[in-house]
């Protein structure tokens, strides 16, 4: 009887007699931290809407558009670290610790530079980023404050 599709007994059967199957992680073992992370981010967005829901449609629009700006920046900022994580993982798996160290240092430097750039260039223009959506000035002001803080 099988313990499941990716169970240890099935891996041993596929490996053949006298051999041992390599230890592997299943998809869910690898994915659950990401699933929890995205769930937490979704909950924060829900909490933002719940907190301002009674303040009126301008406040709800400001939080919604501010969230759009946040996710746009978030998606752009995640491009480089995702690639660097792959390089780091490959170097670590190959036991090339010098390259892994270099990739880690580059990712820390790149993250610091991106954070500084977004802080110095993005935050002063937070209202302008909301204004792009063509909404009323009240929404622009509230959305700019939401993005800024």
C-alpha atoms as a PDB file:
ATOM      1  CA  UNK A   1       0.000   0.000   0.000  1.00  0.00           C
ATOM      2  CA  UNK A   2       1.246   3.433  -0.917  1.00  0.00           C
ATOM      3  CA  UNK A   3       1.665   6.358   1.463  1.00  0.00           C
ATOM      4  CA  UNK A   4       0.836   8.757  -1.402  1.00  0.00           C
ATOM      5  CA  UNK A   5       1.976   9.539  -4.922  1.00  0.00           C
ATOM      6  CA  UNK A   6       5.367  10.813  -3.851  1.00  0.00           C
ATOM      7  CA  UNK A   7       5.781   8.550  -0.837  1.00  0.00           C
ATOM      8  CA  UNK A   8       9.094   7.118   0.203  1.00  0.00           C
ATOM      9  CA  UNK A   9       7.987   3.556  -0.610  1.00  0.00           C
ATOM     10  CA  UNK A  10       7.068   4.524  -4.190  1.00  0.00           C
ATOM     11  CA  UNK A  11      10.389   6.308  -4.666  1.00  0.00           C
ATOM     12  CA  UNK A  12      12.194   3.191  -3.472  1.00  0.00           C
ATOM     13  CA  UNK A  13      10.172   1.030  -5.897  1.00  0.00           C
ATOM     14  CA  UNK A  14      11.049   3.292  -8.839  1.00  0.00           C
ATOM     15  CA  UNK A  15      14.733   3.316  -7.901  1.00  0.00           C
ATOM     16  CA  UNK A  16      14.945  -0.445  -8.276  1.00  0.00           C
ATOM     17  CA  UNK A  17      16.334  -3.179  -6.055  1.00  0.00           C
ATOM     18  CA  UNK A  18      19.528  -2.480  -4.189  1.00  0.00           C
ATOM     19  CA  UNK A  19      19.443   1.268  -4.835  1.00  0.00           C
ATOM     20  CA  UNK A  20      18.195   4.121  -2.768  1.00  0.00           C
ATOM     21  CA  UNK A  21      16.196   6.989  -4.157  1.00  0.00           C
ATOM     22  CA  UNK A  22      17.533  10.469  -3.479  1.00  0.00           C
ATOM     23  CA  UNK A  23      15.719  12.443  -0.840  1.00  0.00           C
ATOM     24  CA  UNK A  24      13.538  15.034  -2.518  1.00  0.00           C
ATOM     25  CA  UNK A  25      11.110  17.634  -1.335  1.00  0.00           C
ATOM     26  CA  UNK A  26       7.607  17.637  -2.700  1.00  0.00           C
ATOM     27  CA  UNK A  27       6.081  20.666  -4.351  1.00  0.00           C
ATOM     28  CA  UNK A  28       3.989  21.485  -1.282  1.00  0.00           C
ATOM     29  CA  UNK A  29       7.035  21.273   0.974  1.00  0.00           C
ATOM     30  CA  UNK A  30       8.710  23.914  -1.154  1.00  0.00           C
ATOM     31  CA  UNK A  31       5.641  26.063  -1.832  1.00  0.00           C
ATOM     32  CA  UNK A  32       4.001  26.436   1.578  1.00  0.00           C
ATOM     33  CA  UNK A  33       6.147  29.399   2.758  1.00  0.00           C
ATOM     34  CA  UNK A  34       5.276  31.330  -0.395  1.00  0.00           C
ATOM     35  CA  UNK A  35       1.598  30.460  -0.022  1.00  0.00           C
ATOM     36  CA  UNK A  36       1.601  31.671   3.589  1.00  0.00           C
ATOM     37  CA  UNK A  37       3.452  34.853   2.577  1.00  0.00           C
ATOM     38  CA  UNK A  38       0.969  35.735  -0.161  1.00  0.00           C
ATOM     39  CA  UNK A  39      -1.914  34.882   2.170  1.00  0.00           C
ATOM     40  CA  UNK A  40      -0.528  37.275   4.777  1.00  0.00           C
ATOM     41  CA  UNK A  41      -0.129  40.022   2.176  1.00  0.00           C
ATOM     42  CA  UNK A  42      -3.711  39.486   1.051  1.00  0.00           C
ATOM     43  CA  UNK A  43      -4.879  39.689   4.657  1.00  0.00           C
ATOM     44  CA  UNK A  44      -3.051  43.014   5.111  1.00  0.00           C
ATOM     45  CA  UNK A  45      -4.839  44.412   2.036  1.00  0.00           C
ATOM     46  CA  UNK A  46      -8.154  43.174   3.422  1.00  0.00           C
ATOM     47  CA  UNK A  47      -7.393  44.795   6.789  1.00  0.00           C
ATOM     48  CA  UNK A  48      -6.549  48.087   5.055  1.00  0.00           C
ATOM     49  CA  UNK A  49      -9.906  48.106   3.286  1.00  0.00           C
ATOM     50  CA  UNK A  50     -11.743  47.092   6.462  1.00  0.00           C
ATOM     51  CA  UNK A  51     -10.120  49.922   8.446  1.00  0.00           C
ATOM     52  CA  UNK A  52     -11.014  52.662   5.968  1.00  0.00           C
ATOM     53  CA  UNK A  53     -14.348  51.272   4.786  1.00  0.00           C
ATOM     54  CA  UNK A  54     -16.339  53.580   7.051  1.00  0.00           C
ATOM     55  CA  UNK A  55     -14.438  56.685   5.937  1.00  0.00           C
ATOM     56  CA  UNK A  56     -16.151  56.846   2.567  1.00  0.00           C
ATOM     57  CA  UNK A  57     -15.555  56.129  -1.101  1.00  0.00           C
ATOM     58  CA  UNK A  58     -12.568  58.490  -1.442  1.00  0.00           C
ATOM     59  CA  UNK A  59     -10.684  56.654   1.299  1.00  0.00           C
ATOM     60  CA  UNK A  60     -11.504  53.265  -0.231  1.00  0.00           C
ATOM     61  CA  UNK A  61     -10.386  54.456  -3.667  1.00  0.00           C
ATOM     62  CA  UNK A  62      -7.182  55.872  -2.174  1.00  0.00           C
ATOM     63  CA  UNK A  63      -6.323  52.582  -0.478  1.00  0.00           C
ATOM     64  CA  UNK A  64      -7.167  50.611  -3.617  1.00  0.00           C
ATOM     65  CA  UNK A  65      -5.046  52.785  -5.902  1.00  0.00           C
ATOM     66  CA  UNK A  66      -2.275  53.036  -3.324  1.00  0.00           C
ATOM     67  CA  UNK A  67      -2.213  49.243  -3.259  1.00  0.00           C
ATOM     68  CA  UNK A  68      -1.895  49.194  -7.049  1.00  0.00           C
ATOM     69  CA  UNK A  69       1.126  51.500  -6.872  1.00  0.00           C
ATOM     70  CA  UNK A  70       2.620  49.376  -4.089  1.00  0.00           C
ATOM     71  CA  UNK A  71       2.232  46.153  -6.089  1.00  0.00           C
ATOM     72  CA  UNK A  72       3.682  47.745  -9.223  1.00  0.00           C
ATOM     73  CA  UNK A  73       6.790  48.785  -7.297  1.00  0.00           C
ATOM     74  CA  UNK A  74       6.889  45.432  -5.493  1.00  0.00           C
ATOM     75  CA  UNK A  75       6.791  43.468  -8.745  1.00  0.00           C
ATOM     76  CA  UNK A  76       9.582  45.541 -10.292  1.00  0.00           C
ATOM     77  CA  UNK A  77      11.748  45.317  -7.178  1.00  0.00           C
ATOM     78  CA  UNK A  78      11.322  41.526  -7.031  1.00  0.00           C
ATOM     79  CA  UNK A  79      12.785  40.964 -10.489  1.00  0.00           C
ATOM     80  CA  UNK A  80      16.449  41.155  -9.493  1.00  0.00           C
ATOM     81  CA  UNK A  81      16.284  39.264  -6.169  1.00  0.00           C
ATOM     82  CA  UNK A  82      14.422  36.399  -7.836  1.00  0.00           C
ATOM     83  CA  UNK A  83      17.189  35.979 -10.399  1.00  0.00           C
ATOM     84  CA  UNK A  84      19.901  36.373  -7.804  1.00  0.00           C
ATOM     85  CA  UNK A  85      18.221  33.744  -5.601  1.00  0.00           C
ATOM     86  CA  UNK A  86      18.424  31.287  -8.500  1.00  0.00           C
ATOM     87  CA  UNK A  87      22.115  32.092  -9.014  1.00  0.00           C
ATOM     88  CA  UNK A  88      22.768  31.757  -5.287  1.00  0.00           C
ATOM     89  CA  UNK A  89      20.919  28.433  -5.078  1.00  0.00           C
ATOM     90  CA  UNK A  90      22.762  27.029  -8.084  1.00  0.00           C
ATOM     91  CA  UNK A  91      26.140  28.105  -6.671  1.00  0.00           C
ATOM     92  CA  UNK A  92      25.319  26.677  -3.247  1.00  0.00           C
ATOM     93  CA  UNK A  93      24.149  23.395  -4.765  1.00  0.00           C
ATOM     94  CA  UNK A  94      27.369  23.176  -6.788  1.00  0.00           C
ATOM     95  CA  UNK A  95      29.317  23.813  -3.599  1.00  0.00           C
ATOM     96  CA  UNK A  96      30.829  26.923  -5.212  1.00  0.00           C
ATOM     97  CA  UNK A  97      30.756  28.961  -2.020  1.00  0.00           C
ATOM     98  CA  UNK A  98      32.816  31.817  -3.467  1.00  0.00           C
ATOM     99  CA  UNK A  99      30.187  32.388  -6.177  1.00  0.00           C
ATOM    100  CA  UNK A 100      27.397  31.978  -3.615  1.00  0.00           C
ATOM    101  CA  UNK A 101      29.048  34.598  -1.424  1.00  0.00           C
ATOM    102  CA  UNK A 102      29.411  36.943  -4.396  1.00  0.00           C
ATOM    103  CA  UNK A 103      25.740  36.465  -5.380  1.00  0.00           C
ATOM    104  CA  UNK A 104      24.621  37.140  -1.810  1.00  0.00           C
ATOM    105  CA  UNK A 105      26.750  40.285  -1.585  1.00  0.00           C
ATOM    106  CA  UNK A 106      25.428  41.515  -4.944  1.00  0.00           C
ATOM    107  CA  UNK A 107      21.838  40.899  -3.911  1.00  0.00           C
ATOM    108  CA  UNK A 108      22.318  42.806  -0.649  1.00  0.00           C
ATOM    109  CA  UNK A 109      23.945  45.704  -2.481  1.00  0.00           C
ATOM    110  CA  UNK A 110      21.253  45.730  -5.170  1.00  0.00           C
ATOM    111  CA  UNK A 111      18.503  45.638  -2.547  1.00  0.00           C
ATOM    112  CA  UNK A 112      20.065  48.528  -0.663  1.00  0.00           C
ATOM    113  CA  UNK A 113      20.456  50.598  -3.843  1.00  0.00           C
ATOM    114  CA  UNK A 114      16.875  49.893  -4.953  1.00  0.00           C
ATOM    115  CA  UNK A 115      15.511  50.811  -1.524  1.00  0.00           C
ATOM    116  CA  UNK A 116      17.467  54.070  -1.527  1.00  0.00           C
ATOM    117  CA  UNK A 117      16.321  54.907  -5.053  1.00  0.00           C
ATOM    118  CA  UNK A 118      12.660  54.193  -4.328  1.00  0.00           C
ATOM    119  CA  UNK A 119      12.810  56.161  -1.088  1.00  0.00           C
ATOM    120  CA  UNK A 120      14.539  59.195  -2.568  1.00  0.00           C
ATOM    121  CA  UNK A 121      12.790  59.251  -5.950  1.00  0.00           C
ATOM    122  CA  UNK A 122       9.490  57.439  -5.408  1.00  0.00           C
ATOM    123  CA  UNK A 123       8.189  58.824  -2.138  1.00  0.00           C
ATOM    124  CA  UNK A 124       8.278  62.518  -3.117  1.00  0.00           C
ATOM    125  CA  UNK A 125       6.136  61.641  -6.143  1.00  0.00           C
ATOM    126  CA  UNK A 126       3.594  59.461  -4.328  1.00  0.00           C
ATOM    127  CA  UNK A 127       0.708  61.808  -5.127  1.00  0.00           C
ATOM    128  CA  UNK A 128       1.779  61.977  -8.764  1.00  0.00           C
ATOM    129  CA  UNK A 129       1.682  58.191  -8.962  1.00  0.00           C
ATOM    130  CA  UNK A 130      -1.945  58.245  -7.787  1.00  0.00           C
ATOM    131  CA  UNK A 131      -2.805  61.176 -10.072  1.00  0.00           C
ATOM    132  CA  UNK A 132      -1.886  59.023 -13.113  1.00  0.00           C
ATOM    133  CA  UNK A 133      -5.135  57.115 -12.555  1.00  0.00           C
ATOM    134  CA  UNK A 134      -7.180  60.257 -13.280  1.00  0.00           C
ATOM    135  CA  UNK A 135      -9.077  60.407  -9.988  1.00  0.00           C
ATOM    136  CA  UNK A 136     -10.381  63.348  -7.931  1.00  0.00           C
ATOM    137  CA  UNK A 137      -7.890  65.466  -5.977  1.00  0.00           C
ATOM    138  CA  UNK A 138      -9.271  64.161  -2.669  1.00  0.00           C
ATOM    139  CA  UNK A 139      -8.395  60.620  -3.694  1.00  0.00           C
ATOM    140  CA  UNK A 140      -4.989  61.793  -4.954  1.00  0.00           C
ATOM    141  CA  UNK A 141      -4.203  63.419  -1.592  1.00  0.00           C
ATOM    142  CA  UNK A 142      -5.372  60.440   0.474  1.00  0.00           C
ATOM    143  CA  UNK A 143      -3.727  57.909  -1.864  1.00  0.00           C
ATOM    144  CA  UNK A 144      -0.467  59.856  -1.837  1.00  0.00           C
ATOM    145  CA  UNK A 145      -0.465  59.804   1.956  1.00  0.00           C
ATOM    146  CA  UNK A 146      -1.243  56.063   1.951  1.00  0.00           C
ATOM    147  CA  UNK A 147       1.620  55.296  -0.452  1.00  0.00           C
ATOM    148  CA  UNK A 148       4.011  57.588   1.392  1.00  0.00           C
ATOM    149  CA  UNK A 149       3.422  56.082   4.815  1.00  0.00           C
END
